[in-house]
Amino acid sequence: MAAQPDIVVHSSSDVLAAAVAARLVTKLVDLQAAGTTPKLVLTGGRIGIAVLEELRRTPARDAVDWARVEFYWGDERFLPPGDPERNETQARQALLDHVPVNPELVHPMGADTGTGPGGAEAAAQEYADLLARKAAPEDHGPVPTFDVMLLGMGAEGHTASIFPHSPAVYETERTVVAVYNCPKPPPTRVTMTLPTIRSAAEVWIMATGEEKAAAVSMALSGAGEVAIPVAGARGKRRTRWLLDRTAASKLPRDLVPHIA
């Protein structure tokens, strides 16, 4: 039986971004002190990029050996290389171009290079092949055990690029899939699937804003993942919900912790 998720509520989105950045520094430093090269899965979206910007700004970032952190992405907008809307582009601008990462440990998803309608399918398969190569015997599966997976969520309950009632939410075999006809632009994306997300040791779900409140409450109150995909996002050892006050505003009172 999965452990109950941790719920942390912060007073504002700015405080949340700074607090997540601080938690992440501590987690990475602790993993490296134990001799591990942390495997970190990045997310896009406003709060995901805000966390990376906070990481760039905090002096504590220098406690991390960035050359010994392995970076993945949970999903990507299938757009041309360097497009400002790509999660990779935004992550590089927010953090990765400002710290001494090892390029061989940075694993972006494929971009649209104009190869035709099968491009997203090929990008998904290439990323699935990468994950399979990175999986060790002790991972007991086709993907590595990510140490921390950062996720955002949409007001309708999507996470990564897994939207309600979409083919991706029903996927149980493939680790990465192409996504078409997304209800928000761009329509074509590449995403890790829910089974891949659940391979992470820790999943940190970040949500801010009153428009997310209903989906947050449904996900934490037992909604099914087909209707609210973020409800199916959980870690092997820990699932952490990091919310601002407005995103937590519709949670049952017994689930709401003290606001940090």
C-alpha atoms as a PDB file:
ATOM      1  CA  MET A   1       0.000   0.000   0.000  1.00  0.00           C
ATOM      2  CA  ALA A   2       1.408   3.401  -0.988  1.00  0.00           C
ATOM      3  CA  ALA A   3       2.378   5.747   1.811  1.00  0.00           C
ATOM      4  CA  GLN A   4       0.220   8.773   2.394  1.00  0.00           C
ATOM      5  CA  PRO A   5       1.546  11.845   0.585  1.00  0.00           C
ATOM      6  CA  ASP A   6       3.269  14.650   2.427  1.00  0.00           C
ATOM      7  CA  ILE A   7       1.442  17.961   2.023  1.00  0.00           C
ATOM      8  CA  VAL A   8       3.257  21.247   2.562  1.00  0.00           C
ATOM      9  CA  VAL A   9       1.439  24.559   2.141  1.00  0.00           C
ATOM     10  CA  HIS A  10       3.278  27.846   1.701  1.00  0.00           C
ATOM     11  CA  SER A  11       1.870  31.344   1.984  1.00  0.00           C
ATOM     12  CA  SER A  12       2.541  32.357  -1.634  1.00  0.00           C
ATOM     13  CA  SER A  13       3.921  31.062  -4.918  1.00  0.00           C
ATOM     14  CA  ASP A  14       7.150  33.029  -4.407  1.00  0.00           C
ATOM     15  CA  VAL A  15       7.711  31.489  -0.988  1.00  0.00           C
ATOM     16  CA  LEU A  16       6.921  28.057  -2.404  1.00  0.00           C
ATOM     17  CA  ALA A  17       9.480  28.408  -5.211  1.00  0.00           C
ATOM     18  CA  ALA A  18      12.193  29.504  -2.780  1.00  0.00           C
ATOM     19  CA  ALA A  19      11.322  26.717  -0.337  1.00  0.00           C
ATOM     20  CA  VAL A  20      11.371  24.015  -3.022  1.00  0.00           C
ATOM     21  CA  ALA A  21      14.746  25.293  -4.232  1.00  0.00           C
ATOM     22  CA  ALA A  22      16.086  25.065  -0.677  1.00  0.00           C
ATOM     23  CA  ARG A  23      14.686  21.540  -0.239  1.00  0.00           C
ATOM     24  CA  LEU A  24      16.243  20.507  -3.511  1.00  0.00           C
ATOM     25  CA  VAL A  25      19.684  21.825  -2.596  1.00  0.00           C
ATOM     26  CA  THR A  26      19.545  19.873   0.662  1.00  0.00           C
ATOM     27  CA  LYS A  27      18.403  16.708  -1.118  1.00  0.00           C
ATOM     28  CA  LEU A  28      21.121  16.898  -3.773  1.00  0.00           C
ATOM     29  CA  VAL A  29      23.852  17.612  -1.239  1.00  0.00           C
ATOM     30  CA  ASP A  30      22.741  14.700   0.948  1.00  0.00           C
ATOM     31  CA  LEU A  31      22.683  12.313  -2.020  1.00  0.00           C
ATOM     32  CA  GLN A  32      26.131  13.401  -3.133  1.00  0.00           C
ATOM     33  CA  ALA A  33      27.487  13.093   0.403  1.00  0.00           C
ATOM     34  CA  ALA A  34      26.305   9.474   0.302  1.00  0.00           C
ATOM     35  CA  GLY A  35      28.302   8.904  -2.877  1.00  0.00           C
ATOM     36  CA  THR A  36      25.384   9.069  -5.294  1.00  0.00           C
ATOM     37  CA  THR A  37      25.117  10.957  -8.563  1.00  0.00           C
ATOM     38  CA  PRO A  38      21.562  12.282  -8.170  1.00  0.00           C
ATOM     39  CA  LYS A  39      19.085  11.676 -10.974  1.00  0.00           C
ATOM     40  CA  LEU A  40      16.802  14.700 -11.156  1.00  0.00           C
ATOM     41  CA  VAL A  41      13.783  15.008 -13.457  1.00  0.00           C
ATOM     42  CA  LEU A  42      12.905  18.593 -14.369  1.00  0.00           C
ATOM     43  CA  THR A  43       9.531  20.033 -15.274  1.00  0.00           C
ATOM     44  CA  GLY A  44       8.421  23.101 -17.173  1.00  0.00           C
ATOM     45  CA  GLY A  45       5.620  25.513 -16.428  1.00  0.00           C
ATOM     46  CA  ARG A  46       5.688  28.699 -14.431  1.00  0.00           C
ATOM     47  CA  ILE A  47       6.388  27.204 -11.009  1.00  0.00           C
ATOM     48  CA  GLY A  48       8.863  24.629 -12.321  1.00  0.00           C
ATOM     49  CA  ILE A  49      10.977  27.309 -13.971  1.00  0.00           C
ATOM     50  CA  ALA A  50      10.586  29.624 -10.972  1.00  0.00           C
ATOM     51  CA  VAL A  51      12.178  26.938  -8.785  1.00  0.00           C
ATOM     52  CA  LEU A  52      15.151  26.726 -11.153  1.00  0.00           C
ATOM     53  CA  GLU A  53      15.509  30.504 -11.095  1.00  0.00           C
ATOM     54  CA  GLU A  54      15.533  30.420  -7.294  1.00  0.00           C
ATOM     55  CA  LEU A  55      18.214  27.735  -7.433  1.00  0.00           C
ATOM     56  CA  ARG A  56      20.317  29.980  -9.660  1.00  0.00           C
ATOM     57  CA  ARG A  57      19.954  32.927  -7.276  1.00  0.00           C
ATOM     58  CA  THR A  58      20.575  31.226  -3.959  1.00  0.00           C
ATOM     59  CA  PRO A  59      24.182  31.216  -2.660  1.00  0.00           C
ATOM     60  CA  ALA A  60      23.474  27.695  -1.375  1.00  0.00           C
ATOM     61  CA  ARG A  61      23.575  26.423  -4.965  1.00  0.00           C
ATOM     62  CA  ASP A  62      27.360  26.261  -4.678  1.00  0.00           C
ATOM     63  CA  ALA A  63      27.009  23.482  -2.104  1.00  0.00           C
ATOM     64  CA  VAL A  64      25.944  21.207  -4.984  1.00  0.00           C
ATOM     65  CA  ASP A  65      28.498  19.614  -7.291  1.00  0.00           C
ATOM     66  CA  TRP A  66      26.498  20.312 -10.438  1.00  0.00           C
ATOM     67  CA  ALA A  67      28.854  18.267 -12.594  1.00  0.00           C
ATOM     68  CA  ARG A  68      27.633  15.257 -10.588  1.00  0.00           C
ATOM     69  CA  VAL A  69      23.907  15.720 -11.136  1.00  0.00           C
ATOM     70  CA  GLU A  70      22.121  13.864 -13.942  1.00  0.00           C
ATOM     71  CA  PHE A  71      19.228  15.768 -15.505  1.00  0.00           C
ATOM     72  CA  TYR A  72      16.169  14.384 -17.263  1.00  0.00           C
ATOM     73  CA  TRP A  73      12.852  15.897 -18.337  1.00  0.00           C
ATOM     74  CA  GLY A  74       9.423  14.496 -17.558  1.00  0.00           C
ATOM     75  CA  ASP A  75       7.906  15.949 -20.707  1.00  0.00           C
ATOM     76  CA  GLU A  76       8.661  18.316 -23.536  1.00  0.00           C
ATOM     77  CA  ARG A  77       6.859  20.528 -26.012  1.00  0.00           C
ATOM     78  CA  PHE A  78       7.690  19.141 -29.433  1.00  0.00           C
ATOM     79  CA  LEU A  79       9.021  22.338 -30.970  1.00  0.00           C
ATOM     80  CA  PRO A  80      12.182  23.259 -32.902  1.00  0.00           C
ATOM     81  CA  PRO A  81      15.530  23.223 -31.073  1.00  0.00           C
ATOM     82  CA  GLY A  82      16.020  26.346 -28.991  1.00  0.00           C
ATOM     83  CA  ASP A  83      12.361  27.404 -29.214  1.00  0.00           C
ATOM     84  CA  PRO A  84      11.645  29.663 -26.217  1.00  0.00           C
ATOM     85  CA  GLU A  85       8.597  27.559 -25.309  1.00  0.00           C
ATOM     86  CA  ARG A  86      10.570  24.334 -24.956  1.00  0.00           C
ATOM     87  CA  ASN A  87      11.041  23.178 -21.357  1.00  0.00           C
ATOM     88  CA  GLU A  88      14.699  22.511 -22.116  1.00  0.00           C
ATOM     89  CA  THR A  89      15.283  26.058 -23.387  1.00  0.00           C
ATOM     90  CA  GLN A  90      13.630  27.581 -20.327  1.00  0.00           C
ATOM     91  CA  ALA A  91      15.540  25.301 -17.937  1.00  0.00           C
ATOM     92  CA  ARG A  92      18.853  26.217 -19.539  1.00  0.00           C
ATOM     93  CA  GLN A  93      18.079  29.921 -19.299  1.00  0.00           C
ATOM     94  CA  ALA A  94      16.877  29.623 -15.702  1.00  0.00           C
ATOM     95  CA  LEU A  95      19.662  27.412 -14.301  1.00  0.00           C
ATOM     96  CA  LEU A  96      21.639  25.014 -16.449  1.00  0.00           C
ATOM     97  CA  ASP A  97      23.558  27.673 -18.373  1.00  0.00           C
ATOM     98  CA  HIS A  98      24.627  29.243 -15.067  1.00  0.00           C
ATOM     99  CA  VAL A  99      26.071  26.252 -13.218  1.00  0.00           C
ATOM    100  CA  PRO A 100      28.904  23.900 -14.216  1.00  0.00           C
ATOM    101  CA  VAL A 101      26.852  20.908 -15.362  1.00  0.00           C
ATOM    102  CA  ASN A 102      28.385  17.959 -17.185  1.00  0.00           C
ATOM    103  CA  PRO A 103      26.805  18.059 -20.678  1.00  0.00           C
ATOM    104  CA  GLU A 104      27.003  14.264 -20.864  1.00  0.00           C
ATOM    105  CA  LEU A 105      24.637  14.077 -17.877  1.00  0.00           C
ATOM    106  CA  VAL A 106      22.008  16.431 -19.340  1.00  0.00           C
ATOM    107  CA  HIS A 107      19.377  14.458 -21.257  1.00  0.00           C
ATOM    108  CA  PRO A 108      16.829  16.658 -23.060  1.00  0.00           C
ATOM    109  CA  MET A 109      14.003  15.140 -25.040  1.00  0.00           C
ATOM    110  CA  GLY A 110      14.113  15.369 -28.830  1.00  0.00           C
ATOM    111  CA  ALA A 111      13.049  18.484 -30.715  1.00  0.00           C
ATOM    112  CA  ASP A 112      11.077  19.002 -33.900  1.00  0.00           C
ATOM    113  CA  THR A 113      13.661  19.092 -36.660  1.00  0.00           C
ATOM    114  CA  GLY A 114      11.116  19.039 -39.458  1.00  0.00           C
ATOM    115  CA  THR A 115      11.302  15.336 -40.168  1.00  0.00           C
ATOM    116  CA  GLY A 116       7.547  14.987 -40.585  1.00  0.00           C
ATOM    117  CA  PRO A 117       4.584  13.685 -38.565  1.00  0.00           C
ATOM    118  CA  GLY A 118       6.538  10.763 -37.166  1.00  0.00           C
ATOM    119  CA  GLY A 119       9.038  13.038 -35.480  1.00  0.00           C
ATOM    120  CA  ALA A 120       7.384  13.020 -32.074  1.00  0.00           C
ATOM    121  CA  GLU A 121       7.061   9.223 -32.137  1.00  0.00           C
ATOM    122  CA  ALA A 122      10.760   8.923 -32.944  1.00  0.00           C
ATOM    123  CA  ALA A 123      11.653  11.373 -30.157  1.00  0.00           C
ATOM    124  CA  ALA A 124       9.594   9.354 -27.674  1.00  0.00           C
ATOM    125  CA  GLN A 125      11.241   6.101 -28.717  1.00  0.00           C
ATOM    126  CA  GLU A 126      14.715   7.639 -28.547  1.00  0.00           C
ATOM    127  CA  TYR A 127      14.045   8.826 -24.998  1.00  0.00           C
ATOM    128  CA  ALA A 128      12.639   5.449 -24.008  1.00  0.00           C
ATOM    129  CA  ASP A 129      15.806   3.842 -25.404  1.00  0.00           C
ATOM    130  CA  LEU A 130      17.944   6.300 -23.401  1.00  0.00           C
ATOM    131  CA  LEU A 131      16.094   5.437 -20.195  1.00  0.00           C
ATOM    132  CA  ALA A 132      16.520   1.727 -20.878  1.00  0.00           C
ATOM    133  CA  ARG A 133      20.274   2.204 -21.321  1.00  0.00           C
ATOM    134  CA  LYS A 134      20.465   4.173 -18.088  1.00  0.00           C
ATOM    135  CA  ALA A 135      18.535   1.578 -16.068  1.00  0.00           C
ATOM    136  CA  ALA A 136      20.709  -0.562 -13.808  1.00  0.00           C
ATOM    137  CA  PRO A 137      19.916  -4.143 -12.752  1.00  0.00           C
ATOM    138  CA  GLU A 138      18.943  -2.924  -9.300  1.00  0.00           C
ATOM    139  CA  ASP A 139      16.284  -0.674 -10.849  1.00  0.00           C
ATOM    140  CA  HIS A 140      14.285  -3.808 -11.770  1.00  0.00           C
ATOM    141  CA  GLY A 141      12.710  -2.219 -14.806  1.00  0.00           C
ATOM    142  CA  PRO A 142      13.151  -0.333 -18.069  1.00  0.00           C
ATOM    143  CA  VAL A 143      13.973   3.050 -16.520  1.00  0.00           C
ATOM    144  CA  PRO A 144      16.407   4.292 -13.884  1.00  0.00           C
ATOM    145  CA  THR A 145      15.179   5.000 -10.383  1.00  0.00           C
ATOM    146  CA  PHE A 146      15.052   8.789 -10.376  1.00  0.00           C
ATOM    147  CA  ASP A 147      15.937  10.321  -7.025  1.00  0.00           C
ATOM    148  CA  VAL A 148      13.581  13.288  -7.383  1.00  0.00           C
ATOM    149  CA  MET A 149      10.977  13.933 -10.049  1.00  0.00           C
ATOM    150  CA  LEU A 150       9.614  17.480 -10.149  1.00  0.00           C
ATOM    151  CA  LEU A 151       6.099  17.821 -11.548  1.00  0.00           C
ATOM    152  CA  GLY A 152       3.628  20.603 -12.060  1.00  0.00           C
ATOM    153  CA  MET A 153      -0.065  20.211 -12.753  1.00  0.00           C
ATOM    154  CA  GLY A 154      -2.794  21.881 -14.733  1.00  0.00           C
ATOM    155  CA  ALA A 155      -6.129  23.191 -13.568  1.00  0.00           C
ATOM    156  CA  GLU A 156      -7.853  20.178 -15.153  1.00  0.00           C
ATOM    157  CA  GLY A 157      -5.498  17.772 -13.384  1.00  0.00           C
ATOM    158  CA  HIS A 158      -2.908  16.991 -16.054  1.00  0.00           C
ATOM    159  CA  THR A 159       0.706  16.379 -15.089  1.00  0.00           C
ATOM    160  CA  ALA A 160       3.744  16.163 -17.354  1.00  0.00           C
ATOM    161  CA  SER A 161       1.856  16.022 -20.685  1.00  0.00           C
ATOM    162  CA  ILE A 162      -0.639  13.396 -19.543  1.00  0.00           C
ATOM    163  CA  PHE A 163      -4.088  14.920 -19.972  1.00  0.00           C
ATOM    164  CA  PRO A 164      -7.428  13.636 -18.649  1.00  0.00           C
ATOM    165  CA  HIS A 165      -8.959  10.828 -20.717  1.00  0.00           C
ATOM    166  CA  SER A 166      -6.102  10.993 -23.251  1.00  0.00           C
ATOM    167  CA  PRO A 167      -4.417   7.890 -24.710  1.00  0.00           C
ATOM    168  CA  ALA A 168      -1.322   8.643 -22.612  1.00  0.00           C
ATOM    169  CA  VAL A 169      -3.203   8.247 -19.330  1.00  0.00           C
ATOM    170  CA  TYR A 170      -4.112   4.656 -20.249  1.00  0.00           C
ATOM    171  CA  GLU A 171      -0.552   3.675 -21.208  1.00  0.00           C
ATOM    172  CA  THR A 172       0.872   0.830 -19.118  1.00  0.00           C
ATOM    173  CA  GLU A 173       3.606  -0.653 -21.326  1.00  0.00           C
ATOM    174  CA  ARG A 174       5.617   2.166 -22.902  1.00  0.00           C
ATOM    175  CA  THR A 175       7.809   4.405 -20.778  1.00  0.00           C
ATOM    176  CA  VAL A 176       7.679   7.500 -23.014  1.00  0.00           C
ATOM    177  CA  VAL A 177       5.005   8.402 -25.564  1.00  0.00           C
ATOM    178  CA  ALA A 178       4.175  11.058 -28.113  1.00  0.00           C
ATOM    179  CA  VAL A 179       1.077  13.102 -27.307  1.00  0.00           C
ATOM    180  CA  TYR A 180      -1.132  14.722 -29.941  1.00  0.00           C
ATOM    181  CA  ASN A 181      -4.061  17.168 -29.891  1.00  0.00           C
ATOM    182  CA  CYS A 182      -3.240  18.509 -26.444  1.00  0.00           C
ATOM    183  CA  PRO A 183      -5.970  20.824 -25.153  1.00  0.00           C
ATOM    184  CA  LYS A 184      -3.374  23.546 -24.539  1.00  0.00           C
ATOM    185  CA  PRO A 185      -0.637  24.610 -26.949  1.00  0.00           C
ATOM    186  CA  PRO A 186       1.507  23.306 -28.384  1.00  0.00           C
ATOM    187  CA  PRO A 187      -0.646  20.349 -29.453  1.00  0.00           C
ATOM    188  CA  THR A 188       2.215  17.875 -29.919  1.00  0.00           C
ATOM    189  CA  ARG A 189       4.409  16.808 -27.017  1.00  0.00           C
ATOM    190  CA  VAL A 190       6.532  13.979 -25.656  1.00  0.00           C
ATOM    191  CA  THR A 191       5.971  12.698 -22.125  1.00  0.00           C
ATOM    192  CA  MET A 192       6.994  10.099 -19.619  1.00  0.00           C
ATOM    193  CA  THR A 193       4.051   7.869 -18.739  1.00  0.00           C
ATOM    194  CA  LEU A 194       2.563   7.321 -15.302  1.00  0.00           C
ATOM    195  CA  PRO A 195       4.409   3.999 -14.769  1.00  0.00           C
ATOM    196  CA  THR A 196       7.680   5.831 -15.497  1.00  0.00           C
ATOM    197  CA  ILE A 197       6.769   8.611 -13.087  1.00  0.00           C
ATOM    198  CA  ARG A 198       6.056   5.994 -10.432  1.00  0.00           C
ATOM    199  CA  SER A 199       9.578   4.616 -10.846  1.00  0.00           C
ATOM    200  CA  ALA A 200      10.960   7.691  -9.058  1.00  0.00           C
ATOM    201  CA  ALA A 201      12.005   7.382  -5.444  1.00  0.00           C
ATOM    202  CA  GLU A 202      10.430  10.749  -4.689  1.00  0.00           C
ATOM    203  CA  VAL A 203       7.813  12.684  -6.651  1.00  0.00           C
ATOM    204  CA  TRP A 204       7.368  16.366  -5.803  1.00  0.00           C
ATOM    205  CA  ILE A 205       4.159  17.863  -7.194  1.00  0.00           C
ATOM    206  CA  MET A 206       4.053  21.662  -7.190  1.00  0.00           C
ATOM    207  CA  ALA A 207       0.853  23.675  -7.641  1.00  0.00           C
ATOM    208  CA  THR A 208      -0.010  27.321  -7.192  1.00  0.00           C
ATOM    209  CA  GLY A 209      -3.114  29.385  -7.814  1.00  0.00           C
ATOM    210  CA  GLU A 210      -6.798  29.120  -7.034  1.00  0.00           C
ATOM    211  CA  GLU A 211      -7.515  27.642 -10.475  1.00  0.00           C
ATOM    212  CA  LYS A 212      -5.650  24.481  -9.378  1.00  0.00           C
ATOM    213  CA  ALA A 213      -7.536  24.104  -6.089  1.00  0.00           C
ATOM    214  CA  ALA A 214     -10.349  21.846  -7.294  1.00  0.00           C
ATOM    215  CA  ALA A 215      -7.986  19.422  -9.058  1.00  0.00           C
ATOM    216  CA  VAL A 216      -5.643  19.350  -6.039  1.00  0.00           C
ATOM    217  CA  SER A 217      -8.562  18.489  -3.768  1.00  0.00           C
ATOM    218  CA  MET A 218      -9.840  15.786  -6.127  1.00  0.00           C
ATOM    219  CA  ALA A 219      -6.396  14.212  -6.525  1.00  0.00           C
ATOM    220  CA  LEU A 220      -5.799  14.094  -2.785  1.00  0.00           C
ATOM    221  CA  SER A 221      -9.314  12.867  -2.069  1.00  0.00           C
ATOM    222  CA  GLY A 222      -9.000   9.703  -4.140  1.00  0.00           C
ATOM    223  CA  ALA A 223      -9.991  10.716  -7.668  1.00  0.00           C
ATOM    224  CA  GLY A 224      -9.023   8.280 -10.411  1.00  0.00           C
ATOM    225  CA  GLU A 225      -6.028   8.999 -12.614  1.00  0.00           C
ATOM    226  CA  VAL A 226      -8.009   8.755 -15.871  1.00  0.00           C
ATOM    227  CA  ALA A 227     -10.011  11.864 -14.942  1.00  0.00           C
ATOM    228  CA  ILE A 228      -7.278  13.521 -12.847  1.00  0.00           C
ATOM    229  CA  PRO A 229      -3.921  12.190 -14.097  1.00  0.00           C
ATOM    230  CA  VAL A 230      -1.904  13.863 -11.345  1.00  0.00           C
ATOM    231  CA  ALA A 231      -3.669  11.528  -8.916  1.00  0.00           C
ATOM    232  CA  GLY A 232      -1.588   8.714 -10.432  1.00  0.00           C
ATOM    233  CA  ALA A 233       1.734  10.489  -9.875  1.00  0.00           C
ATOM    234  CA  ARG A 234       3.445   9.059  -6.822  1.00  0.00           C
ATOM    235  CA  GLY A 235       6.913   8.054  -5.759  1.00  0.00           C
ATOM    236  CA  LYS A 236       8.174   4.702  -4.540  1.00  0.00           C
ATOM    237  CA  ARG A 237       9.273   6.147  -1.220  1.00  0.00           C
ATOM    238  CA  ARG A 238       7.696   9.587  -1.001  1.00  0.00           C
ATOM    239  CA  THR A 239       5.081  11.709  -2.706  1.00  0.00           C
ATOM    240  CA  ARG A 240       5.272  15.338  -1.708  1.00  0.00           C
ATOM    241  CA  TRP A 241       2.627  17.929  -2.575  1.00  0.00           C
ATOM    242  CA  LEU A 242       4.025  21.464  -2.410  1.00  0.00           C
ATOM    243  CA  LEU A 243       1.213  24.002  -2.588  1.00  0.00           C
ATOM    244  CA  ASP A 244       0.569  27.653  -2.063  1.00  0.00           C
ATOM    245  CA  ARG A 245      -2.340  28.808   0.074  1.00  0.00           C
ATOM    246  CA  THR A 246      -4.704  29.300  -2.856  1.00  0.00           C
ATOM    247  CA  ALA A 247      -3.998  25.913  -4.451  1.00  0.00           C
ATOM    248  CA  ALA A 248      -4.727  24.293  -1.083  1.00  0.00           C
ATOM    249  CA  SER A 249      -7.900  26.303  -0.470  1.00  0.00           C
ATOM    250  CA  LYS A 250     -10.349  23.473  -1.305  1.00  0.00           C
ATOM    251  CA  LEU A 251      -8.623  20.698   0.596  1.00  0.00           C
ATOM    252  CA  PRO A 252     -10.547  19.128   3.471  1.00  0.00           C
ATOM    253  CA  ARG A 253      -9.547  20.812   6.717  1.00  0.00           C
ATOM    254  CA  ASP A 254      -8.033  17.644   8.142  1.00  0.00           C
ATOM    255  CA  LEU A 255      -5.562  17.464   5.237  1.00  0.00           C
ATOM    256  CA  VAL A 256      -4.316  21.048   5.445  1.00  0.00           C
ATOM    257  CA  PRO A 257      -1.113  21.376   7.458  1.00  0.00           C
ATOM    258  CA  HIS A 258       0.156  24.543   9.071  1.00  0.00           C
ATOM    259  CA  ILE A 259       1.035  27.112   6.413  1.00  0.00           C
ATOM    260  CA  ALA A 260       4.801  27.639   6.213  1.00  0.00           C
END
